[in-house]
């Protein structure tokens, strides 16, 4: 297969599926799977995990509390009242 794009018949893809998937991941090549010579689906690599920012700490510094009035009041009393009714 070439490094950029390849066409593979569905039968060949079925026989070499894992090998072709590994090749797409490693090289970034795109593979079009065909049935009876007609394109059906395209196998493309997903974005690299290295390019995605980590979720941990991604919101750091995005929340600013100017004073205590900006905070949402506690609902602890509401839950206690609700539990007492049960």
PDB file of N, CA and C in Angstrom:
ATOM      1  N   UNK A   1       0.826  -1.191   0.000  1.00  0.00           N
ATOM      2  CA  UNK A   1       0.000   0.000   0.000  1.00  0.00           C
ATOM      3  C   UNK A   1       0.862   1.243   0.000  1.00  0.00           C
ATOM      4  N   UNK A   2       0.366   2.281  -0.623  1.00  0.00           N
ATOM      5  CA  UNK A   2       1.084   3.546  -0.643  1.00  0.00           C
ATOM      6  C   UNK A   2       0.872   4.277   0.677  1.00  0.00           C
ATOM      7  N   UNK A   3       1.650   5.336   0.906  1.00  0.00           N
ATOM      8  CA  UNK A   3       1.577   6.056   2.172  1.00  0.00           C
ATOM      9  C   UNK A   3       0.395   7.019   2.244  1.00  0.00           C
ATOM     10  N   UNK A   4      -0.284   7.294   1.126  1.00  0.00           N
ATOM     11  CA  UNK A   4      -1.336   8.295   1.181  1.00  0.00           C
ATOM     12  C   UNK A   4      -2.746   7.725   1.017  1.00  0.00           C
ATOM     13  N   UNK A   5      -2.954   6.863   0.017  1.00  0.00           N
ATOM     14  CA  UNK A   5      -4.303   6.339  -0.214  1.00  0.00           C
ATOM     15  C   UNK A   5      -4.220   5.021  -0.969  1.00  0.00           C
ATOM     16  N   UNK A   6      -5.113   4.095  -0.593  1.00  0.00           N
ATOM     17  CA  UNK A   6      -5.145   2.791  -1.246  1.00  0.00           C
ATOM     18  C   UNK A   6      -6.595   2.337  -1.349  1.00  0.00           C
ATOM     19  N   UNK A   7      -6.882   1.521  -2.359  1.00  0.00           N
ATOM     20  CA  UNK A   7      -8.195   0.926  -2.527  1.00  0.00           C
ATOM     21  C   UNK A   7      -8.049  -0.572  -2.323  1.00  0.00           C
ATOM     22  N   UNK A   8      -8.953  -1.143  -1.494  1.00  0.00           N
ATOM     23  CA  UNK A   8      -8.889  -2.565  -1.176  1.00  0.00           C
ATOM     24  C   UNK A   8     -10.286  -3.155  -1.325  1.00  0.00           C
ATOM     25  N   UNK A   9     -10.370  -4.320  -1.967  1.00  0.00           N
ATOM     26  CA  UNK A   9     -11.637  -5.023  -2.098  1.00  0.00           C
ATOM     27  C   UNK A   9     -12.071  -5.541  -0.727  1.00  0.00           C
ATOM     28  N   UNK A  10     -13.373  -5.617  -0.497  1.00  0.00           N
ATOM     29  CA  UNK A  10     -13.917  -6.028   0.797  1.00  0.00           C
ATOM     30  C   UNK A  10     -13.401  -7.397   1.228  1.00  0.00           C
ATOM     31  N   UNK A  11     -13.259  -8.323   0.294  1.00  0.00           N
ATOM     32  CA  UNK A  11     -12.762  -9.658   0.634  1.00  0.00           C
ATOM     33  C   UNK A  11     -11.328  -9.597   1.151  1.00  0.00           C
ATOM     34  N   UNK A  12     -10.490  -8.791   0.488  1.00  0.00           N
ATOM     35  CA  UNK A  12      -9.106  -8.631   0.938  1.00  0.00           C
ATOM     36  C   UNK A  12      -9.069  -7.924   2.289  1.00  0.00           C
ATOM     37  N   UNK A  13      -9.919  -6.899   2.463  1.00  0.00           N
ATOM     38  CA  UNK A  13      -9.966  -6.202   3.737  1.00  0.00           C
ATOM     39  C   UNK A  13     -10.363  -7.160   4.854  1.00  0.00           C
ATOM     40  N   UNK A  14     -11.334  -8.032   4.584  1.00  0.00           N
ATOM     41  CA  UNK A  14     -11.784  -8.996   5.589  1.00  0.00           C
ATOM     42  C   UNK A  14     -10.628  -9.909   5.992  1.00  0.00           C
ATOM     43  N   UNK A  15      -9.831 -10.329   5.032  1.00  0.00           N
ATOM     44  CA  UNK A  15      -8.727 -11.240   5.307  1.00  0.00           C
ATOM     45  C   UNK A  15      -7.563 -10.548   6.020  1.00  0.00           C
ATOM     46  N   UNK A  16      -7.364  -9.252   5.773  1.00  0.00           N
ATOM     47  CA  UNK A  16      -6.198  -8.527   6.317  1.00  0.00           C
ATOM     48  C   UNK A  16      -6.590  -7.356   7.209  1.00  0.00           C
ATOM     49  N   UNK A  17      -7.785  -7.386   7.771  1.00  0.00           N
ATOM     50  CA  UNK A  17      -8.351  -6.258   8.500  1.00  0.00           C
ATOM     51  C   UNK A  17      -7.392  -5.668   9.539  1.00  0.00           C
ATOM     52  N   UNK A  18      -6.905  -6.459  10.469  1.00  0.00           N
ATOM     53  CA  UNK A  18      -6.046  -5.939  11.537  1.00  0.00           C
ATOM     54  C   UNK A  18      -4.737  -5.377  10.987  1.00  0.00           C
ATOM     55  N   UNK A  19      -4.187  -6.041   9.996  1.00  0.00           N
ATOM     56  CA  UNK A  19      -2.955  -5.562   9.365  1.00  0.00           C
ATOM     57  C   UNK A  19      -3.172  -4.198   8.710  1.00  0.00           C
ATOM     58  N   UNK A  20      -4.280  -4.055   7.992  1.00  0.00           N
ATOM     59  CA  UNK A  20      -4.588  -2.790   7.315  1.00  0.00           C
ATOM     60  C   UNK A  20      -4.872  -1.689   8.332  1.00  0.00           C
ATOM     61  N   UNK A  21      -5.582  -2.015   9.401  1.00  0.00           N
ATOM     62  CA  UNK A  21      -5.856  -1.017  10.441  1.00  0.00           C
ATOM     63  C   UNK A  21      -4.556  -0.522  11.078  1.00  0.00           C
ATOM     64  N   UNK A  22      -3.633  -1.440  11.364  1.00  0.00           N
ATOM     65  CA  UNK A  22      -2.343  -1.049  11.935  1.00  0.00           C
ATOM     66  C   UNK A  22      -1.573  -0.145  10.979  1.00  0.00           C
ATOM     67  N   UNK A  23      -1.614  -0.477   9.703  1.00  0.00           N
ATOM     68  CA  UNK A  23      -0.913   0.327   8.697  1.00  0.00           C
ATOM     69  C   UNK A  23      -1.491   1.739   8.609  1.00  0.00           C
ATOM     70  N   UNK A  24      -2.811   1.853   8.652  1.00  0.00           N
ATOM     71  CA  UNK A  24      -3.466   3.162   8.614  1.00  0.00           C
ATOM     72  C   UNK A  24      -3.057   3.982   9.829  1.00  0.00           C
ATOM     73  N   UNK A  25      -3.031   3.340  10.998  1.00  0.00           N
ATOM     74  CA  UNK A  25      -2.649   4.045  12.223  1.00  0.00           C
ATOM     75  C   UNK A  25      -1.195   4.516  12.165  1.00  0.00           C
ATOM     76  N   UNK A  26      -0.297   3.656  11.679  1.00  0.00           N
ATOM     77  CA  UNK A  26       1.132   3.970  11.650  1.00  0.00           C
ATOM     78  C   UNK A  26       1.504   5.000  10.591  1.00  0.00           C
ATOM     79  N   UNK A  27       0.905   4.892   9.408  1.00  0.00           N
ATOM     80  CA  UNK A  27       1.318   5.734   8.292  1.00  0.00           C
ATOM     81  C   UNK A  27       0.412   6.936   8.045  1.00  0.00           C
ATOM     82  N   UNK A  28      -0.812   6.883   8.560  1.00  0.00           N
ATOM     83  CA  UNK A  28      -1.757   7.961   8.287  1.00  0.00           C
ATOM     84  C   UNK A  28      -2.417   7.825   6.930  1.00  0.00           C
ATOM     85  N   UNK A  29      -2.210   6.688   6.271  1.00  0.00           N
ATOM     86  CA  UNK A  29      -2.798   6.453   4.952  1.00  0.00           C
ATOM     87  C   UNK A  29      -4.308   6.284   5.070  1.00  0.00           C
ATOM     88  N   UNK A  30      -5.018   6.596   4.013  1.00  0.00           N
ATOM     89  CA  UNK A  30      -6.450   6.355   3.925  1.00  0.00           C
ATOM     90  C   UNK A  30      -6.675   5.135   3.038  1.00  0.00           C
ATOM     91  N   UNK A  31      -7.638   4.299   3.417  1.00  0.00           N
ATOM     92  CA  UNK A  31      -7.950   3.109   2.629  1.00  0.00           C
ATOM     93  C   UNK A  31      -9.435   3.124   2.298  1.00  0.00           C
ATOM     94  N   UNK A  32      -9.758   3.008   1.016  1.00  0.00           N
ATOM     95  CA  UNK A  32     -11.141   2.901   0.575  1.00  0.00           C
ATOM     96  C   UNK A  32     -11.454   1.440   0.352  1.00  0.00           C
ATOM     97  N   UNK A  33     -12.500   0.943   1.016  1.00  0.00           N
ATOM     98  CA  UNK A  33     -12.909  -0.447   0.858  1.00  0.00           C
ATOM     99  C   UNK A  33     -14.034  -0.482  -0.178  1.00  0.00           C
ATOM    100  N   UNK A  34     -13.890  -1.378  -1.146  1.00  0.00           N
ATOM    101  CA  UNK A  34     -14.857  -1.449  -2.243  1.00  0.00           C
ATOM    102  C   UNK A  34     -15.576  -2.791  -2.254  1.00  0.00           C
ATOM    103  N   UNK A  35     -16.775  -2.795  -2.843  1.00  0.00           N
ATOM    104  CA  UNK A  35     -17.508  -4.021  -3.135  1.00  0.00           C
ATOM    105  C   UNK A  35     -17.827  -3.998  -4.613  1.00  0.00           C
ATOM    106  N   UNK A  36     -17.385  -5.022  -5.305  1.00  0.00           N
ATOM    107  CA  UNK A  36     -17.607  -5.132  -6.747  1.00  0.00           C
ATOM    108  C   UNK A  36     -17.107  -3.889  -7.482  1.00  0.00           C
ATOM    109  N   UNK A  37     -16.001  -3.325  -7.010  1.00  0.00           N
ATOM    110  CA  UNK A  37     -15.390  -2.177  -7.668  1.00  0.00           C
ATOM    111  C   UNK A  37     -15.973  -0.829  -7.298  1.00  0.00           C
ATOM    112  N   UNK A  38     -16.988  -0.798  -6.454  1.00  0.00           N
ATOM    113  CA  UNK A  38     -17.619   0.459  -6.054  1.00  0.00           C
ATOM    114  C   UNK A  38     -17.207   0.810  -4.616  1.00  0.00           C
ATOM    115  N   UNK A  39     -16.758   2.047  -4.391  1.00  0.00           N
ATOM    116  CA  UNK A  39     -16.363   2.452  -3.047  1.00  0.00           C
ATOM    117  C   UNK A  39     -17.544   2.354  -2.070  1.00  0.00           C
ATOM    118  N   UNK A  40     -17.279   1.787  -0.884  1.00  0.00           N
ATOM    119  CA  UNK A  40     -18.325   1.615   0.115  1.00  0.00           C
ATOM    120  C   UNK A  40     -18.004   2.436   1.363  1.00  0.00           C
ATOM    121  N   UNK A  41     -16.807   2.264   1.899  1.00  0.00           N
ATOM    122  CA  UNK A  41     -16.398   2.988   3.105  1.00  0.00           C
ATOM    123  C   UNK A  41     -14.937   3.394   2.978  1.00  0.00           C
ATOM    124  N   UNK A  42     -14.566   4.364   3.798  1.00  0.00           N
ATOM    125  CA  UNK A  42     -13.184   4.822   3.823  1.00  0.00           C
ATOM    126  C   UNK A  42     -12.662   4.658   5.246  1.00  0.00           C
ATOM    127  N   UNK A  43     -11.494   4.063   5.388  1.00  0.00           N
ATOM    128  CA  UNK A  43     -10.835   3.888   6.669  1.00  0.00           C
ATOM    129  C   UNK A  43      -9.769   4.970   6.782  1.00  0.00           C
ATOM    130  N   UNK A  44      -9.922   5.831   7.777  1.00  0.00           N
ATOM    131  CA  UNK A  44      -8.977   6.933   7.977  1.00  0.00           C
ATOM    132  C   UNK A  44      -8.490   6.912   9.415  1.00  0.00           C
ATOM    133  N   UNK A  45      -7.278   7.407   9.673  1.00  0.00           N
ATOM    134  CA  UNK A  45      -6.782   7.428  11.052  1.00  0.00           C
ATOM    135  C   UNK A  45      -7.506   8.488  11.871  1.00  0.00           C
ATOM    136  N   UNK A  46      -7.702   8.212  13.152  1.00  0.00           N
ATOM    137  CA  UNK A  46      -8.267   9.211  14.051  1.00  0.00           C
ATOM    138  C   UNK A  46      -7.170  10.172  14.459  1.00  0.00           C
ATOM    139  N   UNK A  47      -7.572  11.339  14.989  1.00  0.00           N
ATOM    140  CA  UNK A  47      -6.589  12.318  15.427  1.00  0.00           C
ATOM    141  C   UNK A  47      -5.716  11.694  16.513  1.00  0.00           C
ATOM    142  N   UNK A  48      -4.474  11.996  16.455  1.00  0.00           N
ATOM    143  CA  UNK A  48      -3.524  11.472  17.421  1.00  0.00           C
ATOM    144  C   UNK A  48      -3.863  11.944  18.822  1.00  0.00           C
ATOM    145  N   UNK A  49      -3.711  11.066  19.812  1.00  0.00           N
ATOM    146  CA  UNK A  49      -3.947  11.452  21.204  1.00  0.00           C
ATOM    147  C   UNK A  49      -2.965  12.523  21.644  1.00  0.00           C
ATOM    148  N   UNK A  50      -1.798  12.542  21.044  1.00  0.00           N
ATOM    149  CA  UNK A  50      -0.793  13.541  21.413  1.00  0.00           C
ATOM    150  C   UNK A  50      -1.259  14.948  21.038  1.00  0.00           C
ATOM    151  N   UNK A  51      -2.115  15.056  20.019  1.00  0.00           N
ATOM    152  CA  UNK A  51      -2.590  16.363  19.566  1.00  0.00           C
ATOM    153  C   UNK A  51      -3.766  16.879  20.376  1.00  0.00           C
ATOM    154  N   UNK A  52      -4.412  15.999  21.159  1.00  0.00           N
ATOM    155  CA  UNK A  52      -5.571  16.408  21.944  1.00  0.00           C
ATOM    156  C   UNK A  52      -5.128  16.867  23.325  1.00  0.00           C
ATOM    157  N   UNK A  53      -5.693  17.969  23.814  1.00  0.00           N
ATOM    158  CA  UNK A  53      -5.337  18.417  25.159  1.00  0.00           C
ATOM    159  C   UNK A  53      -5.919  17.472  26.212  1.00  0.00           C
ATOM    160  N   UNK A  54      -5.228  17.386  27.328  1.00  0.00           N
ATOM    161  CA  UNK A  54      -5.696  16.558  28.426  1.00  0.00           C
ATOM    162  C   UNK A  54      -6.924  17.184  29.062  1.00  0.00           C
ATOM    163  N   UNK A  55      -7.876  16.354  29.485  1.00  0.00           N
ATOM    164  CA  UNK A  55      -9.052  16.864  30.171  1.00  0.00           C
ATOM    165  C   UNK A  55      -8.710  17.315  31.584  1.00  0.00           C
ATOM    166  N   UNK A  56      -7.745  16.644  32.200  1.00  0.00           N
ATOM    167  CA  UNK A  56      -7.360  17.015  33.551  1.00  0.00           C
ATOM    168  C   UNK A  56      -6.703  18.396  33.545  1.00  0.00           C
ATOM    169  N   UNK A  57      -7.270  19.296  34.285  1.00  0.00           N
ATOM    170  CA  UNK A  57      -6.719  20.640  34.382  1.00  0.00           C
ATOM    171  C   UNK A  57      -7.051  21.538  33.215  1.00  0.00           C
ATOM    172  N   UNK A  58      -7.890  21.078  32.293  1.00  0.00           N
ATOM    173  CA  UNK A  58      -8.170  21.874  31.099  1.00  0.00           C
ATOM    174  C   UNK A  58      -8.974  23.139  31.400  1.00  0.00           C
ATOM    175  N   UNK A  59      -9.653  23.177  32.540  1.00  0.00           N
ATOM    176  CA  UNK A  59     -10.457  24.356  32.902  1.00  0.00           C
ATOM    177  C   UNK A  59      -9.744  25.240  33.927  1.00  0.00           C
ATOM    178  N   UNK A  60      -8.513  24.913  34.250  1.00  0.00           N
ATOM    179  CA  UNK A  60      -7.776  25.676  35.247  1.00  0.00           C
ATOM    180  C   UNK A  60      -7.716  27.146  34.842  1.00  0.00           C
ATOM    181  N   UNK A  61      -8.096  28.012  35.780  1.00  0.00           N
ATOM    182  CA  UNK A  61      -8.032  29.449  35.537  1.00  0.00           C
ATOM    183  C   UNK A  61      -9.221  30.012  34.778  1.00  0.00           C
ATOM    184  N   UNK A  62     -10.184  29.172  34.440  1.00  0.00           N
ATOM    185  CA  UNK A  62     -11.321  29.674  33.667  1.00  0.00           C
ATOM    186  C   UNK A  62     -12.477  30.143  34.550  1.00  0.00           C
ATOM    187  N   UNK A  63     -12.407  29.901  35.858  1.00  0.00           N
ATOM    188  CA  UNK A  63     -13.463  30.310  36.772  1.00  0.00           C
ATOM    189  C   UNK A  63     -12.886  31.328  37.753  1.00  0.00           C
ATOM    190  N   UNK A  64     -13.534  32.466  37.825  1.00  0.00           N
ATOM    191  CA  UNK A  64     -13.085  33.516  38.730  1.00  0.00           C
ATOM    192  C   UNK A  64     -14.244  33.870  39.645  1.00  0.00           C
ATOM    193  N   UNK A  65     -14.041  33.743  40.954  1.00  0.00           N
ATOM    194  CA  UNK A  65     -15.056  34.131  41.937  1.00  0.00           C
ATOM    195  C   UNK A  65     -14.663  35.505  42.457  1.00  0.00           C
ATOM    196  N   UNK A  66     -15.489  36.488  42.172  1.00  0.00           N
ATOM    197  CA  UNK A  66     -15.177  37.852  42.569  1.00  0.00           C
ATOM    198  C   UNK A  66     -15.493  38.099  44.038  1.00  0.00           C
ATOM    199  N   UNK A  67     -16.594  37.526  44.534  1.00  0.00           N
ATOM    200  CA  UNK A  67     -16.915  37.636  45.954  1.00  0.00           C
ATOM    201  C   UNK A  67     -17.835  36.482  46.328  1.00  0.00           C
ATOM    202  N   UNK A  68     -18.117  36.342  47.613  1.00  0.00           N
ATOM    203  CA  UNK A  68     -18.938  35.220  48.076  1.00  0.00           C
ATOM    204  C   UNK A  68     -20.364  35.270  47.547  1.00  0.00           C
ATOM    205  N   UNK A  69     -20.857  36.429  47.154  1.00  0.00           N
ATOM    206  CA  UNK A  69     -22.209  36.542  46.613  1.00  0.00           C
ATOM    207  C   UNK A  69     -22.348  35.839  45.269  1.00  0.00           C
ATOM    208  N   UNK A  70     -21.215  35.591  44.600  1.00  0.00           N
ATOM    209  CA  UNK A  70     -21.239  34.918  43.306  1.00  0.00           C
ATOM    210  C   UNK A  70     -21.429  33.411  43.442  1.00  0.00           C
ATOM    211  N   UNK A  71     -21.253  32.873  44.650  1.00  0.00           N
ATOM    212  CA  UNK A  71     -21.370  31.430  44.852  1.00  0.00           C
ATOM    213  C   UNK A  71     -22.822  31.000  44.894  1.00  0.00           C
ATOM    214  N   UNK A  72     -23.096  29.802  44.451  1.00  0.00           N
ATOM    215  CA  UNK A  72     -24.437  29.238  44.493  1.00  0.00           C
ATOM    216  C   UNK A  72     -24.704  28.782  45.924  1.00  0.00           C
ATOM    217  N   UNK A  73     -25.852  29.117  46.491  1.00  0.00           N
ATOM    218  CA  UNK A  73     -26.129  28.718  47.867  1.00  0.00           C
ATOM    219  C   UNK A  73     -26.230  27.195  47.994  1.00  0.00           C
ATOM    220  N   UNK A  74     -25.886  26.698  49.145  1.00  0.00           N
ATOM    221  CA  UNK A  74     -25.929  25.271  49.421  1.00  0.00           C
ATOM    222  C   UNK A  74     -27.371  24.769  49.410  1.00  0.00           C
ATOM    223  N   UNK A  75     -27.561  23.559  48.919  1.00  0.00           N
ATOM    224  CA  UNK A  75     -28.888  22.944  48.925  1.00  0.00           C
ATOM    225  C   UNK A  75     -28.984  21.891  50.021  1.00  0.00           C
ATOM    226  N   UNK A  76     -28.031  21.897  50.949  1.00  0.00           N
ATOM    227  CA  UNK A  76     -28.009  20.888  52.005  1.00  0.00           C
ATOM    228  C   UNK A  76     -29.307  20.892  52.811  1.00  0.00           C
ATOM    229  N   UNK A  77     -29.816  22.084  53.159  1.00  0.00           N
ATOM    230  CA  UNK A  77     -31.054  22.167  53.927  1.00  0.00           C
ATOM    231  C   UNK A  77     -32.225  21.588  53.152  1.00  0.00           C
ATOM    232  N   UNK A  78     -32.259  21.824  51.845  1.00  0.00           N
ATOM    233  CA  UNK A  78     -33.352  21.295  51.030  1.00  0.00           C
ATOM    234  C   UNK A  78     -33.328  19.771  51.031  1.00  0.00           C
ATOM    235  N   UNK A  79     -32.148  19.163  50.925  1.00  0.00           N
ATOM    236  CA  UNK A  79     -32.043  17.706  50.929  1.00  0.00           C
ATOM    237  C   UNK A  79     -32.417  17.138  52.288  1.00  0.00           C
ATOM    238  N   UNK A  80     -32.003  17.815  53.346  1.00  0.00           N
ATOM    239  CA  UNK A  80     -32.340  17.352  54.686  1.00  0.00           C
ATOM    240  C   UNK A  80     -33.852  17.376  54.885  1.00  0.00           C
ATOM    241  N   UNK A  81     -34.507  18.445  54.440  1.00  0.00           N
ATOM    242  CA  UNK A  81     -35.965  18.542  54.544  1.00  0.00           C
ATOM    243  C   UNK A  81     -36.641  17.438  53.739  1.00  0.00           C
ATOM    244  N   UNK A  82     -36.120  17.159  52.552  1.00  0.00           N
ATOM    245  CA  UNK A  82     -36.708  16.147  51.686  1.00  0.00           C
ATOM    246  C   UNK A  82     -36.567  14.764  52.307  1.00  0.00           C
ATOM    247  N   UNK A  83     -35.361  14.458  52.855  1.00  0.00           N
ATOM    248  CA  UNK A  83     -35.137  13.166  53.476  1.00  0.00           C
ATOM    249  C   UNK A  83     -36.023  12.968  54.697  1.00  0.00           C
ATOM    250  N   UNK A  84     -36.288  14.048  55.455  1.00  0.00           N
ATOM    251  CA  UNK A  84     -37.118  13.963  56.657  1.00  0.00           C
ATOM    252  C   UNK A  84     -38.558  13.588  56.312  1.00  0.00           C
ATOM    253  N   UNK A  85     -39.013  13.932  55.107  1.00  0.00           N
ATOM    254  CA  UNK A  85     -40.388  13.638  54.693  1.00  0.00           C
ATOM    255  C   UNK A  85     -40.563  12.188  54.289  1.00  0.00           C
ATOM    256  N   UNK A  86     -39.480  11.511  54.029  1.00  0.00           N
ATOM    257  CA  UNK A  86     -39.563  10.105  53.560  1.00  0.00           C
ATOM    258  C   UNK A  86     -39.793   9.160  54.712  1.00  0.00           C
TER     259      UNK A  86
END
